């Protein structure tokens, strides 16, 4: 079993509150085991298998479409953590950032994917925006104040969500939830 860095663990559980929903409880034995036999268990793990869902069968935010070789129904919380650690924390270079920025950036990677999340950070720090956190971007980010950069990144994400809803009225119904997600990151800074 992998021992995960504390910043990652905090970031993962934060994101699960939005990927799974308010029923998510990291200390619940059924959630830890990934149980999804009953309706209550499915809600605790975010398990869905709806033919109309483009991602296909999904649990803990891990979709079958993106992970065709994973038995989604049998996925445990630790298994989901390993996937998020590899695909978002490490791939998104969160491990190279200071907290709380590392946590906020991880959530952006999960919510927007790595390339867009990198662009948000690059805009926040004022470097060339190419969606790749190379050594120059990382150095500039780590020279800045992590709390100030987190606040800037949150504002950029809020603007992104508002523009998305303005440009596509079918997405307006999701705006309050999107904004609540980034606002809750800001609340953790207070």
Protein backbone atom coordinates (compact mmCIF):
# COMPACT_ATOMS: atom_id res chain seq x y z
CA UNK A 1 0.00 0.00 0.00
CA UNK A 2 1.33 3.44 -0.97
CA UNK A 3 1.95 6.01 1.73
CA UNK A 4 0.67 9.25 0.27
CA UNK A 5 1.94 12.75 1.14
CA UNK A 6 -0.33 14.60 3.58
CA UNK A 7 -1.00 17.45 1.12
CA UNK A 8 -2.21 14.91 -1.43
CA UNK A 9 -4.46 13.15 1.10
CA UNK A 10 -6.04 16.48 2.07
CA UNK A 11 -6.47 17.45 -1.59
CA UNK A 12 -7.94 14.06 -2.52
CA UNK A 13 -10.55 14.11 0.23
CA UNK A 14 -11.45 17.71 -0.61
CA UNK A 15 -12.04 16.75 -4.25
CA UNK A 16 -14.03 13.65 -3.29
CA UNK A 17 -16.53 15.88 -1.51
CA UNK A 18 -17.34 17.22 -4.98
CA UNK A 19 -16.66 14.18 -7.16
CA UNK A 20 -18.82 11.93 -4.96
CA UNK A 21 -20.93 14.48 -3.09
CA UNK A 22 -21.81 15.32 0.50
CA UNK A 23 -22.41 11.65 1.34
CA UNK A 24 -18.69 11.00 0.99
CA UNK A 25 -17.09 10.03 4.31
CA UNK A 26 -13.43 9.05 4.21
CA UNK A 27 -13.78 7.21 7.54
CA UNK A 28 -16.80 5.10 6.60
CA UNK A 29 -15.91 1.39 6.35
CA UNK A 30 -18.24 0.81 3.36
CA UNK A 31 -16.76 3.77 1.51
CA UNK A 32 -13.19 2.61 2.22
CA UNK A 33 -14.04 -0.86 0.92
CA UNK A 34 -15.79 0.64 -2.13
CA UNK A 35 -19.06 -1.14 -1.43
CA UNK A 36 -21.73 -0.29 -3.99
CA UNK A 37 -24.39 -2.99 -3.67
CA UNK A 38 -27.11 -0.82 -2.12
CA UNK A 39 -28.40 2.62 -3.08
CA UNK A 40 -26.86 4.10 0.09
CA UNK A 41 -23.48 2.51 -0.68
CA UNK A 42 -23.59 3.77 -4.27
CA UNK A 43 -24.22 7.30 -3.01
CA UNK A 44 -21.28 7.06 -0.57
CA UNK A 45 -18.87 6.07 -3.36
CA UNK A 46 -20.41 8.08 -6.18
CA UNK A 47 -21.05 4.87 -8.11
CA UNK A 48 -23.16 5.33 -11.25
CA UNK A 49 -23.68 3.15 -14.27
CA UNK A 50 -26.01 5.11 -16.52
CA UNK A 51 -26.08 4.26 -20.22
CA UNK A 52 -26.52 7.98 -21.00
CA UNK A 53 -23.34 8.96 -19.12
CA UNK A 54 -20.55 9.49 -21.66
CA UNK A 55 -17.95 8.50 -19.07
CA UNK A 56 -19.66 5.18 -18.53
CA UNK A 57 -19.58 3.36 -15.22
CA UNK A 58 -18.02 5.67 -12.61
CA UNK A 59 -17.01 5.43 -8.95
CA UNK A 60 -15.01 7.88 -6.80
CA UNK A 61 -14.83 10.05 -9.94
CA UNK A 62 -12.98 7.30 -11.85
CA UNK A 63 -14.75 6.64 -15.16
CA UNK A 64 -14.63 3.39 -17.12
CA UNK A 65 -14.22 5.29 -20.39
CA UNK A 66 -10.88 6.66 -19.20
CA UNK A 67 -9.91 3.46 -17.38
CA UNK A 68 -11.12 0.53 -19.51
CA UNK A 69 -8.87 -1.99 -17.72
CA UNK A 70 -10.13 -1.18 -14.22
CA UNK A 71 -12.98 -3.05 -12.58
CA UNK A 72 -14.87 0.07 -11.51
CA UNK A 73 -17.41 -1.80 -9.40
CA UNK A 74 -14.60 -3.43 -7.35
CA UNK A 75 -12.58 -0.20 -6.98
CA UNK A 76 -11.70 0.64 -3.36
CA UNK A 77 -11.03 4.08 -1.91
CA UNK A 78 -7.29 3.31 -1.78
CA UNK A 79 -7.38 2.20 -5.42
CA UNK A 80 -9.05 5.47 -6.38
CA UNK A 81 -6.45 7.38 -4.37
CA UNK A 82 -3.66 5.66 -6.28
CA UNK A 83 -5.26 6.63 -9.61
CA UNK A 84 -5.73 10.26 -8.54
CA UNK A 85 -2.20 10.37 -7.13
CA UNK A 86 -0.66 9.20 -10.40
CA UNK A 87 -2.97 10.91 -12.89
CA UNK A 88 -3.49 14.28 -11.20
CA UNK A 89 -1.10 14.86 -8.28
CA UNK A 90 2.10 13.68 -9.97
CA UNK A 91 1.10 14.33 -13.59
CA UNK A 92 -0.13 17.81 -12.63
CA UNK A 93 3.13 18.60 -10.80
CA UNK A 94 1.25 19.26 -7.56
CA UNK A 95 4.11 17.58 -5.72
CA UNK A 96 6.38 20.45 -6.81
CA UNK A 97 4.17 23.18 -5.31
CA UNK A 98 3.77 24.53 -1.79
CA UNK A 99 0.54 24.13 0.16
CA UNK A 100 -2.16 25.39 -0.04
CA UNK A 101 -1.45 26.03 -3.73
CA UNK A 102 -0.67 22.35 -4.28
CA UNK A 103 -4.12 21.44 -2.95
CA UNK A 104 -5.93 24.09 -5.00
CA UNK A 105 -4.01 23.12 -8.14
CA UNK A 106 -4.83 19.44 -7.61
CA UNK A 107 -8.52 20.27 -7.44
CA UNK A 108 -8.19 22.31 -10.63
CA UNK A 109 -6.44 19.35 -12.31
CA UNK A 110 -9.30 17.06 -11.30
CA UNK A 111 -12.01 19.55 -12.23
CA UNK A 112 -10.51 21.03 -15.43
CA UNK A 113 -7.80 18.53 -16.41
CA UNK A 114 -4.09 19.16 -16.17
CA UNK A 115 -3.49 21.41 -19.18
CA UNK A 116 -6.19 23.95 -18.30
CA UNK A 117 -5.24 23.87 -14.60
CA UNK A 118 -1.64 24.65 -15.60
CA UNK A 119 -2.87 27.60 -17.66
CA UNK A 120 -4.75 28.96 -14.64
CA UNK A 121 -1.56 28.82 -12.57
CA UNK A 122 0.54 30.35 -15.30
CA UNK A 123 -1.92 33.22 -15.61
CA UNK A 124 -1.91 33.69 -11.82
CA UNK A 125 1.88 33.97 -11.70
CA UNK A 126 2.21 36.00 -14.92
CA UNK A 127 4.34 33.70 -17.07
CA UNK A 128 3.78 32.51 -20.63
CA UNK A 129 0.59 30.49 -20.79
CA UNK A 130 1.18 27.22 -22.63
CA UNK A 131 -0.49 24.71 -20.30
CA UNK A 132 2.78 23.00 -19.39
CA UNK A 133 4.34 23.53 -15.98
CA UNK A 134 7.97 23.41 -17.01
CA UNK A 135 10.87 24.31 -14.78
CA UNK A 136 10.51 28.06 -15.48
CA UNK A 137 6.82 28.06 -14.57
CA UNK A 138 7.45 25.99 -11.44
CA UNK A 139 10.30 28.27 -10.36
CA UNK A 140 8.17 31.40 -10.83
CA UNK A 141 5.25 29.80 -8.99
CA UNK A 142 7.43 28.74 -6.05
CA UNK A 143 8.97 32.22 -5.80
CA UNK A 144 5.48 33.62 -5.20
CA UNK A 145 3.38 33.53 -2.05
CA UNK A 146 1.36 30.29 -2.16
CA UNK A 147 -1.69 31.83 -0.47
CA UNK A 148 -1.73 34.84 -2.78
CA UNK A 149 -1.34 32.60 -5.85
CA UNK A 150 -4.09 30.31 -4.59
CA UNK A 151 -6.41 33.31 -4.28
CA UNK A 152 -5.51 34.47 -7.80
CA UNK A 153 -6.06 30.98 -9.18
CA UNK A 154 -9.47 30.81 -7.50
CA UNK A 155 -10.49 34.13 -9.12
CA UNK A 156 -9.33 32.84 -12.51
CA UNK A 157 -11.36 29.64 -12.06
CA UNK A 158 -14.42 31.66 -11.02
CA UNK A 159 -14.08 33.83 -14.13
CA UNK A 160 -13.70 30.70 -16.27
CA UNK A 161 -16.90 29.20 -14.84
CA UNK A 162 -18.87 32.42 -15.29
CA UNK A 163 -17.71 32.73 -18.91
CA UNK A 164 -18.56 29.09 -19.55
CA UNK A 165 -22.11 29.62 -18.24
CA UNK A 166 -22.51 32.89 -20.19
CA UNK A 167 -21.35 31.31 -23.44
CA UNK A 168 -23.40 28.15 -23.00
CA UNK A 169 -26.73 28.78 -21.23
CA UNK A 170 -27.29 25.02 -20.86
CA UNK A 171 -24.45 25.07 -18.32
CA UNK A 172 -25.91 27.85 -16.14
CA UNK A 173 -27.59 25.34 -13.84
CA UNK A 174 -24.14 24.11 -12.75
CA UNK A 175 -22.65 27.53 -12.02
CA UNK A 176 -23.58 27.69 -8.33
CA UNK A 177 -22.03 24.27 -7.67
CA UNK A 178 -18.86 25.15 -9.57
CA UNK A 179 -18.48 28.42 -7.69
CA UNK A 180 -19.17 26.71 -4.34
CA UNK A 181 -16.35 24.28 -5.06
CA UNK A 182 -13.73 26.99 -5.57
CA UNK A 183 -15.13 29.18 -2.81
CA UNK A 184 -14.70 26.31 -0.35
CA UNK A 185 -10.98 26.24 -1.23
CA UNK A 186 -10.82 29.93 -0.35
CA UNK A 187 -12.61 29.25 2.95
CA UNK A 188 -9.85 26.83 3.96
CA UNK A 189 -7.34 29.68 3.64
CA UNK A 190 -9.14 31.84 6.22
